[in-house]
Amino acid sequence: LYKPLPDCYDDFKADIHRLFPYVYDTKHIAFKIRKQPQLKEC
């Protein structure tokens, strides 16, 4: 939907961040959140 994938990995990251400044991955968030001390009893 944007343009062919670039050869440079950093270019890909910079373009995605410019297109979508707020990206949230629920798998990553769930993995990190469950380790927080506030949720030790969860």
ModelCIF file with pLDDT and N, C-alpha, C, O atoms, coordinates in Angstrom:
data_MODEL
#
_entry.id   MODEL 
#
_entity.id                         1 
_entity.type                       polymer 
_entity.pdbx_number_of_molecules   1 
#
_entity_poly.entity_id                      1 
_entity_poly.type                           'polypeptide(L)' 
_entity_poly.nstd_linkage                   no 
_entity_poly.nstd_monomer                   no 
_entity_poly.pdbx_seq_one_letter_code       LYKPLPDCYDDFKADIHRLFPYVYDTKHIAFKIRKQPQLKEC 
_entity_poly.pdbx_seq_one_letter_code_can   LYKPLPDCYDDFKADIHRLFPYVYDTKHIAFKIRKQPQLKEC 
_entity_poly.pdbx_strand_id                 A 
#
loop_
_entity_poly_seq.entity_id 
_entity_poly_seq.num 
_entity_poly_seq.mon_id 
_entity_poly_seq.hetero 
1 1  LEU n 
1 2  TYR n 
1 3  LYS n 
1 4  PRO n 
1 5  LEU n 
1 6  PRO n 
1 7  ASP n 
1 8  CYS n 
1 9  TYR n 
1 10 ASP n 
1 11 ASP n 
1 12 PHE n 
1 13 LYS n 
1 14 ALA n 
1 15 ASP n 
1 16 ILE n 
1 17 HIS n 
1 18 ARG n 
1 19 LEU n 
1 20 PHE n 
1 21 PRO n 
1 22 TYR n 
1 23 VAL n 
1 24 TYR n 
1 25 ASP n 
1 26 THR n 
1 27 LYS n 
1 28 HIS n 
1 29 ILE n 
1 30 ALA n 
1 31 PHE n 
1 32 LYS n 
1 33 ILE n 
1 34 ARG n 
1 35 LYS n 
1 36 GLN n 
1 37 PRO n 
1 38 GLN n 
1 39 LEU n 
1 40 LYS n 
1 41 GLU n 
1 42 CYS n 
#
_struct_asym.id          A 
_struct_asym.entity_id   1 
#
loop_
_ma_qa_metric.id 
_ma_qa_metric.mode 
_ma_qa_metric.name 
_ma_qa_metric.software_group_id 
_ma_qa_metric.type 
1 global pLDDT . pLDDT 
2 local  pLDDT . pLDDT 
#
_ma_qa_metric_global.metric_id      1 
_ma_qa_metric_global.metric_value   94.24 
_ma_qa_metric_global.model_id       1 
_ma_qa_metric_global.ordinal_id     1 
#
loop_
_ma_qa_metric_local.label_asym_id 
_ma_qa_metric_local.label_comp_id 
_ma_qa_metric_local.label_seq_id 
_ma_qa_metric_local.metric_id 
_ma_qa_metric_local.metric_value 
_ma_qa_metric_local.model_id 
_ma_qa_metric_local.ordinal_id 
A LEU 1  2 95.00 1 1  
A TYR 2  2 96.00 1 2  
A LYS 3  2 95.00 1 3  
A PRO 4  2 95.00 1 4  
A LEU 5  2 96.00 1 5  
A PRO 6  2 96.00 1 6  
A ASP 7  2 95.00 1 7  
A CYS 8  2 95.00 1 8  
A TYR 9  2 95.00 1 9  
A ASP 10 2 96.00 1 10 
A ASP 11 2 97.00 1 11 
A PHE 12 2 97.00 1 12 
A LYS 13 2 97.00 1 13 
A ALA 14 2 97.00 1 14 
A ASP 15 2 97.00 1 15 
A ILE 16 2 97.00 1 16 
A HIS 17 2 97.00 1 17 
A ARG 18 2 97.00 1 18 
A LEU 19 2 97.00 1 19 
A PHE 20 2 97.00 1 20 
A PRO 21 2 96.00 1 21 
A TYR 22 2 96.00 1 22 
A VAL 23 2 97.00 1 23 
A TYR 24 2 98.00 1 24 
A ASP 25 2 98.00 1 25 
A THR 26 2 97.00 1 26 
A LYS 27 2 96.00 1 27 
A HIS 28 2 96.00 1 28 
A ILE 29 2 96.00 1 29 
A ALA 30 2 95.00 1 30 
A PHE 31 2 93.00 1 31 
A LYS 32 2 94.00 1 32 
A ILE 33 2 93.00 1 33 
A ARG 34 2 90.00 1 34 
A LYS 35 2 90.00 1 35 
A GLN 36 2 91.00 1 36 
A PRO 37 2 90.00 1 37 
A GLN 38 2 88.00 1 38 
A LEU 39 2 88.00 1 39 
A LYS 40 2 82.00 1 40 
A GLU 41 2 83.00 1 41 
A CYS 42 2 87.00 1 42 
#
loop_
_atom_site.group_PDB 
_atom_site.id 
_atom_site.type_symbol 
_atom_site.label_atom_id 
_atom_site.label_alt_id 
_atom_site.label_comp_id 
_atom_site.label_asym_id 
_atom_site.label_entity_id 
_atom_site.label_seq_id 
_atom_site.pdbx_PDB_ins_code 
_atom_site.Cartn_x 
_atom_site.Cartn_y 
_atom_site.Cartn_z 
_atom_site.occupancy 
_atom_site.B_iso_or_equiv 
_atom_site.pdbx_formal_charge 
_atom_site.auth_seq_id 
_atom_site.auth_comp_id 
_atom_site.auth_asym_id 
_atom_site.auth_atom_id 
_atom_site.pdbx_PDB_model_num 
ATOM 1   N N  . LEU A 1 1  ? 0.801  -1.221  0.000  1.00 95.00 ? 1  LEU A N  1 
ATOM 2   C CA . LEU A 1 1  ? 0.000  0.000   0.000  1.00 95.00 ? 1  LEU A CA 1 
ATOM 3   C C  . LEU A 1 1  ? 0.837  1.274   0.000  1.00 95.00 ? 1  LEU A C  1 
ATOM 4   O O  . LEU A 1 1  ? 0.305  2.351   -0.272 1.00 95.00 ? 1  LEU A O  1 
ATOM 5   N N  . TYR A 1 2  ? 2.131  1.180   0.298  1.00 96.00 ? 2  TYR A N  1 
ATOM 6   C CA . TYR A 1 2  ? 2.969  2.377   0.334  1.00 96.00 ? 2  TYR A CA 1 
ATOM 7   C C  . TYR A 1 2  ? 3.991  2.358   -0.804 1.00 96.00 ? 2  TYR A C  1 
ATOM 8   O O  . TYR A 1 2  ? 3.827  3.077   -1.790 1.00 96.00 ? 2  TYR A O  1 
ATOM 9   N N  . LYS A 1 3  ? 5.020  1.561   -0.682 1.00 95.00 ? 3  LYS A N  1 
ATOM 10  C CA . LYS A 1 3  ? 5.993  1.410   -1.755 1.00 95.00 ? 3  LYS A CA 1 
ATOM 11  C C  . LYS A 1 3  ? 6.785  0.132   -1.502 1.00 95.00 ? 3  LYS A C  1 
ATOM 12  O O  . LYS A 1 3  ? 6.726  -0.421  -0.404 1.00 95.00 ? 3  LYS A O  1 
ATOM 13  N N  . PRO A 1 4  ? 7.532  -0.351  -2.511 1.00 95.00 ? 4  PRO A N  1 
ATOM 14  C CA . PRO A 1 4  ? 8.285  -1.601  -2.315 1.00 95.00 ? 4  PRO A CA 1 
ATOM 15  C C  . PRO A 1 4  ? 9.207  -1.519  -1.096 1.00 95.00 ? 4  PRO A C  1 
ATOM 16  O O  . PRO A 1 4  ? 9.779  -0.470  -0.799 1.00 95.00 ? 4  PRO A O  1 
ATOM 17  N N  . LEU A 1 5  ? 9.334  -2.639  -0.408 1.00 96.00 ? 5  LEU A N  1 
ATOM 18  C CA . LEU A 1 5  ? 10.177 -2.669  0.785  1.00 96.00 ? 5  LEU A CA 1 
ATOM 19  C C  . LEU A 1 5  ? 11.599 -2.212  0.454  1.00 96.00 ? 5  LEU A C  1 
ATOM 20  O O  . LEU A 1 5  ? 12.168 -2.628  -0.555 1.00 96.00 ? 5  LEU A O  1 
ATOM 21  N N  . PRO A 1 6  ? 12.172 -1.356  1.304  1.00 96.00 ? 6  PRO A N  1 
ATOM 22  C CA . PRO A 1 6  ? 13.526 -0.845  1.029  1.00 96.00 ? 6  PRO A CA 1 
ATOM 23  C C  . PRO A 1 6  ? 14.584 -1.883  1.361  1.00 96.00 ? 6  PRO A C  1 
ATOM 24  O O  . PRO A 1 6  ? 14.318 -2.847  2.079  1.00 96.00 ? 6  PRO A O  1 
ATOM 25  N N  . ASP A 1 7  ? 15.776 -1.681  0.838  1.00 95.00 ? 7  ASP A N  1 
ATOM 26  C CA . ASP A 1 7  ? 16.898 -2.564  1.162  1.00 95.00 ? 7  ASP A CA 1 
ATOM 27  C C  . ASP A 1 7  ? 17.401 -2.325  2.582  1.00 95.00 ? 7  ASP A C  1 
ATOM 28  O O  . ASP A 1 7  ? 17.943 -3.231  3.215  1.00 95.00 ? 7  ASP A O  1 
ATOM 29  N N  . CYS A 1 8  ? 17.222 -1.109  3.078  1.00 95.00 ? 8  CYS A N  1 
ATOM 30  C CA . CYS A 1 8  ? 17.754 -0.736  4.398  1.00 95.00 ? 8  CYS A CA 1 
ATOM 31  C C  . CYS A 1 8  ? 16.670 -0.894  5.471  1.00 95.00 ? 8  CYS A C  1 
ATOM 32  O O  . CYS A 1 8  ? 15.581 -0.330  5.363  1.00 95.00 ? 8  CYS A O  1 
ATOM 33  N N  . TYR A 1 9  ? 16.988 -1.658  6.487  1.00 95.00 ? 9  TYR A N  1 
ATOM 34  C CA . TYR A 1 9  ? 16.071 -1.895  7.599  1.00 95.00 ? 9  TYR A CA 1 
ATOM 35  C C  . TYR A 1 9  ? 15.719 -0.602  8.332  1.00 95.00 ? 9  TYR A C  1 
ATOM 36  O O  . TYR A 1 9  ? 14.564 -0.402  8.709  1.00 95.00 ? 9  TYR A O  1 
ATOM 37  N N  . ASP A 1 10 ? 16.695 0.274   8.536  1.00 96.00 ? 10 ASP A N  1 
ATOM 38  C CA . ASP A 1 10 ? 16.443 1.537   9.232  1.00 96.00 ? 10 ASP A CA 1 
ATOM 39  C C  . ASP A 1 10 ? 15.498 2.439   8.439  1.00 96.00 ? 10 ASP A C  1 
ATOM 40  O O  . ASP A 1 10 ? 14.702 3.176   9.022  1.00 96.00 ? 10 ASP A O  1 
ATOM 41  N N  . ASP A 1 11 ? 15.587 2.380   7.115  1.00 97.00 ? 11 ASP A N  1 
ATOM 42  C CA . ASP A 1 11 ? 14.663 3.166   6.286  1.00 97.00 ? 11 ASP A CA 1 
ATOM 43  C C  . ASP A 1 11 ? 13.231 2.675   6.479  1.00 97.00 ? 11 ASP A C  1 
ATOM 44  O O  . ASP A 1 11 ? 12.297 3.473   6.553  1.00 97.00 ? 11 ASP A O  1 
ATOM 45  N N  . PHE A 1 12 ? 13.072 1.378   6.559  1.00 97.00 ? 12 PHE A N  1 
ATOM 46  C CA . PHE A 1 12 ? 11.740 0.813   6.793  1.00 97.00 ? 12 PHE A CA 1 
ATOM 47  C C  . PHE A 1 12 ? 11.168 1.300   8.124  1.00 97.00 ? 12 PHE A C  1 
ATOM 48  O O  . PHE A 1 12 ? 10.014 1.725   8.189  1.00 97.00 ? 12 PHE A O  1 
ATOM 49  N N  . LYS A 1 13 ? 11.973 1.237   9.176  1.00 97.00 ? 13 LYS A N  1 
ATOM 50  C CA . LYS A 1 13 ? 11.505 1.679   10.488 1.00 97.00 ? 13 LYS A CA 1 
ATOM 51  C C  . LYS A 1 13 ? 11.128 3.158   10.475 1.00 97.00 ? 13 LYS A C  1 
ATOM 52  O O  . LYS A 1 13 ? 10.084 3.539   11.006 1.00 97.00 ? 13 LYS A O  1 
ATOM 53  N N  . ALA A 1 14 ? 11.968 3.982   9.875  1.00 97.00 ? 14 ALA A N  1 
ATOM 54  C CA . ALA A 1 14 ? 11.714 5.430   9.848  1.00 97.00 ? 14 ALA A CA 1 
ATOM 55  C C  . ALA A 1 14 ? 10.438 5.747   9.078  1.00 97.00 ? 14 ALA A C  1 
ATOM 56  O O  . ALA A 1 14 ? 9.657  6.601   9.497  1.00 97.00 ? 14 ALA A O  1 
ATOM 57  N N  . ASP A 1 15 ? 10.222 5.065   7.956  1.00 97.00 ? 15 ASP A N  1 
ATOM 58  C CA . ASP A 1 15 ? 9.023  5.312   7.150  1.00 97.00 ? 15 ASP A CA 1 
ATOM 59  C C  . ASP A 1 15 ? 7.759  4.882   7.882  1.00 97.00 ? 15 ASP A C  1 
ATOM 60  O O  . ASP A 1 15 ? 6.761  5.603   7.886  1.00 97.00 ? 15 ASP A O  1 
ATOM 61  N N  . ILE A 1 16 ? 7.804  3.713   8.499  1.00 97.00 ? 16 ILE A N  1 
ATOM 62  C CA . ILE A 1 16 ? 6.622  3.232   9.232  1.00 97.00 ? 16 ILE A CA 1 
ATOM 63  C C  . ILE A 1 16 ? 6.288  4.177   10.375 1.00 97.00 ? 16 ILE A C  1 
ATOM 64  O O  . ILE A 1 16 ? 5.119  4.478   10.618 1.00 97.00 ? 16 ILE A O  1 
ATOM 65  N N  . HIS A 1 17 ? 7.310  4.644   11.076 1.00 97.00 ? 17 HIS A N  1 
ATOM 66  C CA . HIS A 1 17 ? 7.058  5.550   12.199 1.00 97.00 ? 17 HIS A CA 1 
ATOM 67  C C  . HIS A 1 17 ? 6.499  6.888   11.715 1.00 97.00 ? 17 HIS A C  1 
ATOM 68  O O  . HIS A 1 17 ? 5.680  7.501   12.401 1.00 97.00 ? 17 HIS A O  1 
ATOM 69  N N  . ARG A 1 18 ? 6.927  7.334   10.565 1.00 97.00 ? 18 ARG A N  1 
ATOM 70  C CA . ARG A 1 18 ? 6.392  8.580   10.005 1.00 97.00 ? 18 ARG A CA 1 
ATOM 71  C C  . ARG A 1 18 ? 4.938  8.393   9.556  1.00 97.00 ? 18 ARG A C  1 
ATOM 72  O O  . ARG A 1 18 ? 4.106  9.282   9.742  1.00 97.00 ? 18 ARG A O  1 
ATOM 73  N N  . LEU A 1 19 ? 4.644  7.244   8.970  1.00 97.00 ? 19 LEU A N  1 
ATOM 74  C CA . LEU A 1 19 ? 3.279  6.977   8.515  1.00 97.00 ? 19 LEU A CA 1 
ATOM 75  C C  . LEU A 1 19 ? 2.335  6.764   9.698  1.00 97.00 ? 19 LEU A C  1 
ATOM 76  O O  . LEU A 1 19 ? 1.221  7.288   9.721  1.00 97.00 ? 19 LEU A O  1 
ATOM 77  N N  . PHE A 1 20 ? 2.796  5.988   10.675 1.00 97.00 ? 20 PHE A N  1 
ATOM 78  C CA . PHE A 1 20 ? 1.971  5.638   11.847 1.00 97.00 ? 20 PHE A CA 1 
ATOM 79  C C  . PHE A 1 20 ? 2.781  5.930   13.117 1.00 97.00 ? 20 PHE A C  1 
ATOM 80  O O  . PHE A 1 20 ? 3.513  5.062   13.590 1.00 97.00 ? 20 PHE A O  1 
ATOM 81  N N  . PRO A 1 21 ? 2.658  7.134   13.669 1.00 96.00 ? 21 PRO A N  1 
ATOM 82  C CA . PRO A 1 21 ? 3.477  7.507   14.833 1.00 96.00 ? 21 PRO A CA 1 
ATOM 83  C C  . PRO A 1 21 ? 3.123  6.749   16.107 1.00 96.00 ? 21 PRO A C  1 
ATOM 84  O O  . PRO A 1 21 ? 3.911  6.733   17.052 1.00 96.00 ? 21 PRO A O  1 
ATOM 85  N N  . TYR A 1 22 ? 1.942  6.117   16.147 1.00 96.00 ? 22 TYR A N  1 
ATOM 86  C CA . TYR A 1 22 ? 1.509  5.444   17.374 1.00 96.00 ? 22 TYR A CA 1 
ATOM 87  C C  . TYR A 1 22 ? 1.098  4.009   17.026 1.00 96.00 ? 22 TYR A C  1 
ATOM 88  O O  . TYR A 1 22 ? -0.027 3.755   16.598 1.00 96.00 ? 22 TYR A O  1 
ATOM 89  N N  . VAL A 1 23 ? 2.033  3.088   17.221 1.00 97.00 ? 23 VAL A N  1 
ATOM 90  C CA . VAL A 1 23 ? 1.797  1.680   16.942 1.00 97.00 ? 23 VAL A CA 1 
ATOM 91  C C  . VAL A 1 23 ? 1.875  0.900   18.254 1.00 97.00 ? 23 VAL A C  1 
ATOM 92  O O  . VAL A 1 23 ? 2.805  1.079   19.040 1.00 97.00 ? 23 VAL A O  1 
ATOM 93  N N  . TYR A 1 24 ? 0.888  0.035   18.479 1.00 98.00 ? 24 TYR A N  1 
ATOM 94  C CA . TYR A 1 24 ? 0.852  -0.759  19.718 1.00 98.00 ? 24 TYR A CA 1 
ATOM 95  C C  . TYR A 1 24 ? 0.670  -2.230  19.360 1.00 98.00 ? 24 TYR A C  1 
ATOM 96  O O  . TYR A 1 24 ? -0.278 -2.600  18.668 1.00 98.00 ? 24 TYR A O  1 
ATOM 97  N N  . ASP A 1 25 ? 1.590  -3.060  19.841 1.00 98.00 ? 25 ASP A N  1 
ATOM 98  C CA . ASP A 1 25 ? 1.542  -4.507  19.617 1.00 98.00 ? 25 ASP A CA 1 
ATOM 99  C C  . ASP A 1 25 ? 1.083  -5.167  20.912 1.00 98.00 ? 25 ASP A C  1 
ATOM 100 O O  . ASP A 1 25 ? 1.813  -5.166  21.903 1.00 98.00 ? 25 ASP A O  1 
ATOM 101 N N  . THR A 1 26 ? -0.115 -5.728  20.908 1.00 97.00 ? 26 THR A N  1 
ATOM 102 C CA . THR A 1 26 ? -0.688 -6.280  22.146 1.00 97.00 ? 26 THR A CA 1 
ATOM 103 C C  . THR A 1 26 ? 0.078  -7.509  22.642 1.00 97.00 ? 26 THR A C  1 
ATOM 104 O O  . THR A 1 26 ? 0.059  -7.798  23.838 1.00 97.00 ? 26 THR A O  1 
ATOM 105 N N  . LYS A 1 27 ? 0.742  -8.226  21.758 1.00 96.00 ? 27 LYS A N  1 
ATOM 106 C CA . LYS A 1 27 ? 1.543  -9.366  22.229 1.00 96.00 ? 27 LYS A CA 1 
ATOM 107 C C  . LYS A 1 27 ? 2.720  -8.865  23.053 1.00 96.00 ? 27 LYS A C  1 
ATOM 108 O O  . LYS A 1 27 ? 3.001  -9.393  24.129 1.00 96.00 ? 27 LYS A O  1 
ATOM 109 N N  . HIS A 1 28 ? 3.403  -7.853  22.550 1.00 96.00 ? 28 HIS A N  1 
ATOM 110 C CA . HIS A 1 28 ? 4.544  -7.278  23.274 1.00 96.00 ? 28 HIS A CA 1 
ATOM 111 C C  . HIS A 1 28 ? 4.074  -6.632  24.584 1.00 96.00 ? 28 HIS A C  1 
ATOM 112 O O  . HIS A 1 28 ? 4.713  -6.796  25.623 1.00 96.00 ? 28 HIS A O  1 
ATOM 113 N N  . ILE A 1 29 ? 2.966  -5.902  24.530 1.00 96.00 ? 29 ILE A N  1 
ATOM 114 C CA . ILE A 1 29 ? 2.459  -5.228  25.727 1.00 96.00 ? 29 ILE A CA 1 
ATOM 115 C C  . ILE A 1 29 ? 2.084  -6.243  26.797 1.00 96.00 ? 29 ILE A C  1 
ATOM 116 O O  . ILE A 1 29 ? 2.424  -6.066  27.967 1.00 96.00 ? 29 ILE A O  1 
ATOM 117 N N  . ALA A 1 30 ? 1.383  -7.308  26.405 1.00 95.00 ? 30 ALA A N  1 
ATOM 118 C CA . ALA A 1 30 ? 0.977  -8.331  27.376 1.00 95.00 ? 30 ALA A CA 1 
ATOM 119 C C  . ALA A 1 30 ? 2.191  -8.983  28.027 1.00 95.00 ? 30 ALA A C  1 
ATOM 120 O O  . ALA A 1 30 ? 2.184  -9.255  29.227 1.00 95.00 ? 30 ALA A O  1 
ATOM 121 N N  . PHE A 1 31 ? 3.229  -9.233  27.239 1.00 93.00 ? 31 PHE A N  1 
ATOM 122 C CA . PHE A 1 31 ? 4.444  -9.855  27.764 1.00 93.00 ? 31 PHE A CA 1 
ATOM 123 C C  . PHE A 1 31 ? 5.135  -8.940  28.773 1.00 93.00 ? 31 PHE A C  1 
ATOM 124 O O  . PHE A 1 31 ? 5.633  -9.406  29.798 1.00 93.00 ? 31 PHE A O  1 
ATOM 125 N N  . LYS A 1 32 ? 5.164  -7.641  28.483 1.00 94.00 ? 32 LYS A N  1 
ATOM 126 C CA . LYS A 1 32 ? 5.834  -6.692  29.367 1.00 94.00 ? 32 LYS A CA 1 
ATOM 127 C C  . LYS A 1 32 ? 5.005  -6.378  30.622 1.00 94.00 ? 32 LYS A C  1 
ATOM 128 O O  . LYS A 1 32 ? 5.534  -6.304  31.731 1.00 94.00 ? 32 LYS A O  1 
ATOM 129 N N  . ILE A 1 33 ? 3.709  -6.199  30.420 1.00 93.00 ? 33 ILE A N  1 
ATOM 130 C CA . ILE A 1 33 ? 2.842  -5.779  31.527 1.00 93.00 ? 33 ILE A CA 1 
ATOM 131 C C  . ILE A 1 33 ? 2.789  -6.833  32.632 1.00 93.00 ? 33 ILE A C  1 
ATOM 132 O O  . ILE A 1 33 ? 2.780  -6.496  33.816 1.00 93.00 ? 33 ILE A O  1 
ATOM 133 N N  . ARG A 1 34 ? 2.755  -8.093  32.246 1.00 90.00 ? 34 ARG A N  1 
ATOM 134 C CA . ARG A 1 34 ? 2.603  -9.139  33.268 1.00 90.00 ? 34 ARG A CA 1 
ATOM 135 C C  . ARG A 1 34 ? 3.811  -9.237  34.189 1.00 90.00 ? 34 ARG A C  1 
ATOM 136 O O  . ARG A 1 34 ? 3.744  -9.885  35.233 1.00 90.00 ? 34 ARG A O  1 
ATOM 137 N N  . LYS A 1 35 ? 4.928  -8.592  33.805 1.00 90.00 ? 35 LYS A N  1 
ATOM 138 C CA . LYS A 1 35 ? 6.133  -8.596  34.642 1.00 90.00 ? 35 LYS A CA 1 
ATOM 139 C C  . LYS A 1 35 ? 6.209  -7.412  35.583 1.00 90.00 ? 35 LYS A C  1 
ATOM 140 O O  . LYS A 1 35 ? 7.130  -7.327  36.395 1.00 90.00 ? 35 LYS A O  1 
ATOM 141 N N  . GLN A 1 36 ? 5.243  -6.483  35.487 1.00 91.00 ? 36 GLN A N  1 
ATOM 142 C CA . GLN A 1 36 ? 5.275  -5.292  36.332 1.00 91.00 ? 36 GLN A CA 1 
ATOM 143 C C  . GLN A 1 36 ? 4.934  -5.649  37.784 1.00 91.00 ? 36 GLN A C  1 
ATOM 144 O O  . GLN A 1 36 ? 4.095  -6.519  38.021 1.00 91.00 ? 36 GLN A O  1 
ATOM 145 N N  . PRO A 1 37 ? 5.577  -4.985  38.763 1.00 90.00 ? 37 PRO A N  1 
ATOM 146 C CA . PRO A 1 37 ? 5.331  -5.325  40.176 1.00 90.00 ? 37 PRO A CA 1 
ATOM 147 C C  . PRO A 1 37 ? 3.881  -5.092  40.588 1.00 90.00 ? 37 PRO A C  1 
ATOM 148 O O  . PRO A 1 37 ? 3.386  -5.768  41.490 1.00 90.00 ? 37 PRO A O  1 
ATOM 149 N N  . GLN A 1 38 ? 3.194  -4.151  39.947 1.00 88.00 ? 38 GLN A N  1 
ATOM 150 C CA . GLN A 1 38 ? 1.789  -3.889  40.302 1.00 88.00 ? 38 GLN A CA 1 
ATOM 151 C C  . GLN A 1 38 ? 0.895  -5.081  39.967 1.00 88.00 ? 38 GLN A C  1 
ATOM 152 O O  . GLN A 1 38 ? -0.200 -5.208  40.515 1.00 88.00 ? 38 GLN A O  1 
ATOM 153 N N  . LEU A 1 39 ? 1.357  -5.956  39.072 1.00 88.00 ? 39 LEU A N  1 
ATOM 154 C CA . LEU A 1 39 ? 0.535  -7.090  38.638 1.00 88.00 ? 39 LEU A CA 1 
ATOM 155 C C  . LEU A 1 39 ? 1.140  -8.424  39.071 1.00 88.00 ? 39 LEU A C  1 
ATOM 156 O O  . LEU A 1 39 ? 0.875  -9.456  38.453 1.00 88.00 ? 39 LEU A O  1 
ATOM 157 N N  . LYS A 1 40 ? 1.953  -8.405  40.134 1.00 82.00 ? 40 LYS A N  1 
ATOM 158 C CA . LYS A 1 40 ? 2.614  -9.635  40.569 1.00 82.00 ? 40 LYS A CA 1 
ATOM 159 C C  . LYS A 1 40 ? 1.614  -10.685 41.060 1.00 82.00 ? 40 LYS A C  1 
ATOM 160 O O  . LYS A 1 40 ? 1.915  -11.879 41.050 1.00 82.00 ? 40 LYS A O  1 
ATOM 161 N N  . GLU A 1 41 ? 0.430  -10.248 41.487 1.00 83.00 ? 41 GLU A N  1 
ATOM 162 C CA . GLU A 1 41 ? -0.589 -11.192 41.960 1.00 83.00 ? 41 GLU A CA 1 
ATOM 163 C C  . GLU A 1 41 ? -1.535 -11.628 40.848 1.00 83.00 ? 41 GLU A C  1 
ATOM 164 O O  . GLU A 1 41 ? -2.414 -12.459 41.073 1.00 83.00 ? 41 GLU A O  1 
ATOM 165 N N  . CYS A 1 42 ? -1.364 -11.076 39.657 1.00 87.00 ? 42 CYS A N  1 
ATOM 166 C CA . CYS A 1 42 ? -2.232 -11.421 38.532 1.00 87.00 ? 42 CYS A CA 1 
ATOM 167 C C  . CYS A 1 42 ? -1.861 -12.813 38.026 1.00 87.00 ? 42 CYS A C  1 
ATOM 168 O O  . CYS A 1 42 ? -2.470 -13.308 37.076 1.00 87.00 ? 42 CYS A O  1 
#
